[in-house]
Amino acid sequence: VKPKHLDALTFTLYPVIEGRMACKFIWGEVTELDGQERTATIQPMFVKDKEVIDFDFCIIAAGCNFGVFHKWGESLWFPTIHA
């Protein structure tokens, strides 16, 4: 793939999630999750106060472990949560 084709092959998730899927994209950290009440306490990026929001579905994007020199190896698709 030539670098000049990058714009034609990539897109940001924000307009897809909010526009086409009618979901709210929140950039922040979940500090508490209550499955019974379907609420989450979140700390949005660049905001001082926490918020409590309700949800129908909750997708936790915890990132991915990728590193050639990491002790657990290299993976683009294996999610790793470090406790």
C-alpha atoms as a PDB file:
ATOM      1  CA  VAL A   1       0.000   0.000   0.000  1.00  0.00           C
ATOM      2  CA  LYS A   2       1.338   3.393  -0.925  1.00  0.00           C
ATOM      3  CA  PRO A   3       1.281   6.098   1.764  1.00  0.00           C
ATOM      4  CA  LYS A   4      -0.799   8.372  -0.450  1.00  0.00           C
ATOM      5  CA  HIS A   5      -3.641   5.804  -0.254  1.00  0.00           C
ATOM      6  CA  LEU A   6      -3.903   5.986   3.561  1.00  0.00           C
ATOM      7  CA  ASP A   7      -6.838   8.431   3.552  1.00  0.00           C
ATOM      8  CA  ALA A   8      -8.825   6.198   1.204  1.00  0.00           C
ATOM      9  CA  LEU A   9      -8.224   3.101   3.358  1.00  0.00           C
ATOM     10  CA  THR A  10      -8.704   4.444   6.892  1.00  0.00           C
ATOM     11  CA  PHE A  11     -11.352   6.303   8.859  1.00  0.00           C
ATOM     12  CA  THR A  12     -11.932   7.466  12.425  1.00  0.00           C
ATOM     13  CA  LEU A  13     -14.388   5.538  14.584  1.00  0.00           C
ATOM     14  CA  TYR A  14     -16.091   8.583  16.105  1.00  0.00           C
ATOM     15  CA  PRO A  15     -18.409   9.448  13.162  1.00  0.00           C
ATOM     16  CA  VAL A  16     -19.258   5.793  12.594  1.00  0.00           C
ATOM     17  CA  ILE A  17     -20.105   5.130  16.248  1.00  0.00           C
ATOM     18  CA  GLU A  18     -22.094   8.334  16.771  1.00  0.00           C
ATOM     19  CA  GLY A  19     -23.571   8.819  13.316  1.00  0.00           C
ATOM     20  CA  ARG A  20     -24.283   5.422  11.828  1.00  0.00           C
ATOM     21  CA  MET A  21     -24.655   3.362  15.010  1.00  0.00           C
ATOM     22  CA  ALA A  22     -26.464   6.062  17.055  1.00  0.00           C
ATOM     23  CA  CYS A  23     -24.184   5.459  20.052  1.00  0.00           C
ATOM     24  CA  LYS A  24     -22.310   7.870  22.260  1.00  0.00           C
ATOM     25  CA  PHE A  25     -18.526   7.786  22.119  1.00  0.00           C
ATOM     26  CA  ILE A  26     -16.950   8.657  25.481  1.00  0.00           C
ATOM     27  CA  TRP A  27     -13.238   9.247  25.869  1.00  0.00           C
ATOM     28  CA  GLY A  28     -12.429   8.627  29.488  1.00  0.00           C
ATOM     29  CA  GLU A  29     -11.975   6.112  32.260  1.00  0.00           C
ATOM     30  CA  VAL A  30     -14.685   4.004  33.869  1.00  0.00           C
ATOM     31  CA  THR A  31     -14.098   4.085  37.613  1.00  0.00           C
ATOM     32  CA  GLU A  32     -17.169   2.041  38.611  1.00  0.00           C
ATOM     33  CA  LEU A  33     -19.518  -0.234  36.680  1.00  0.00           C
ATOM     34  CA  ASP A  34     -22.903  -1.334  38.081  1.00  0.00           C
ATOM     35  CA  GLY A  35     -24.374  -4.111  35.941  1.00  0.00           C
ATOM     36  CA  GLN A  36     -27.591  -4.445  37.942  1.00  0.00           C
ATOM     37  CA  GLU A  37     -28.484  -0.764  37.576  1.00  0.00           C
ATOM     38  CA  ARG A  38     -26.791  -0.455  34.161  1.00  0.00           C
ATOM     39  CA  THR A  39     -24.841   2.611  35.183  1.00  0.00           C
ATOM     40  CA  ALA A  40     -21.199   3.561  34.914  1.00  0.00           C
ATOM     41  CA  THR A  41     -19.264   6.179  36.831  1.00  0.00           C
ATOM     42  CA  ILE A  42     -16.835   7.746  34.388  1.00  0.00           C
ATOM     43  CA  GLN A  43     -13.989  10.234  34.504  1.00  0.00           C
ATOM     44  CA  PRO A  44     -14.048  11.964  31.101  1.00  0.00           C
ATOM     45  CA  MET A  45     -10.764  13.205  29.684  1.00  0.00           C
ATOM     46  CA  PHE A  46     -10.046  16.876  30.407  1.00  0.00           C
ATOM     47  CA  VAL A  47     -12.993  17.217  32.843  1.00  0.00           C
ATOM     48  CA  LYS A  48     -12.504  17.593  36.597  1.00  0.00           C
ATOM     49  CA  ASP A  49     -15.723  15.989  37.871  1.00  0.00           C
ATOM     50  CA  LYS A  50     -16.884  12.394  37.437  1.00  0.00           C
ATOM     51  CA  GLU A  51     -20.220  11.595  35.784  1.00  0.00           C
ATOM     52  CA  VAL A  52     -22.728   8.758  36.221  1.00  0.00           C
ATOM     53  CA  ILE A  53     -24.281   7.585  32.965  1.00  0.00           C
ATOM     54  CA  ASP A  54     -26.736   4.815  32.140  1.00  0.00           C
ATOM     55  CA  PHE A  55     -26.281   2.359  29.290  1.00  0.00           C
ATOM     56  CA  ASP A  56     -28.052  -0.314  27.268  1.00  0.00           C
ATOM     57  CA  PHE A  57     -24.821  -1.936  26.075  1.00  0.00           C
ATOM     58  CA  CYS A  58     -21.325  -1.378  27.400  1.00  0.00           C
ATOM     59  CA  ILE A  59     -18.256  -2.017  25.250  1.00  0.00           C
ATOM     60  CA  ILE A  60     -14.986  -1.954  27.134  1.00  0.00           C
ATOM     61  CA  ALA A  61     -12.084  -1.134  24.815  1.00  0.00           C
ATOM     62  CA  ALA A  62      -9.138  -2.156  26.966  1.00  0.00           C
ATOM     63  CA  GLY A  63      -6.490  -1.917  24.276  1.00  0.00           C
ATOM     64  CA  CYS A  64      -4.178  -4.509  22.845  1.00  0.00           C
ATOM     65  CA  ASN A  65      -0.829  -6.001  23.827  1.00  0.00           C
ATOM     66  CA  PHE A  66       1.656  -5.317  21.038  1.00  0.00           C
ATOM     67  CA  GLY A  67       5.384  -5.400  21.488  1.00  0.00           C
ATOM     68  CA  VAL A  68       8.108  -7.453  19.890  1.00  0.00           C
ATOM     69  CA  PHE A  69      10.245  -7.272  23.020  1.00  0.00           C
ATOM     70  CA  HIS A  70       7.437  -7.779  25.563  1.00  0.00           C
ATOM     71  CA  LYS A  71       7.588 -10.926  27.720  1.00  0.00           C
ATOM     72  CA  TRP A  72       4.096 -11.978  26.549  1.00  0.00           C
ATOM     73  CA  GLY A  73       4.959 -11.658  22.887  1.00  0.00           C
ATOM     74  CA  GLU A  74       3.485  -9.833  19.968  1.00  0.00           C
ATOM     75  CA  SER A  75      -0.202  -9.743  19.107  1.00  0.00           C
ATOM     76  CA  LEU A  76      -2.417  -7.294  17.258  1.00  0.00           C
ATOM     77  CA  TRP A  77      -5.630  -9.056  18.262  1.00  0.00           C
ATOM     78  CA  PHE A  78      -5.106 -10.532  21.736  1.00  0.00           C
ATOM     79  CA  PRO A  79      -6.535  -8.170  24.374  1.00  0.00           C
ATOM     80  CA  THR A  80      -4.527  -7.975  27.591  1.00  0.00           C
ATOM     81  CA  ILE A  81      -5.688  -6.398  30.840  1.00  0.00           C
ATOM     82  CA  HIS A  82      -2.968  -5.792  33.395  1.00  0.00           C
ATOM     83  CA  ALA A  83      -4.275  -5.772  36.957  1.00  0.00           C
END
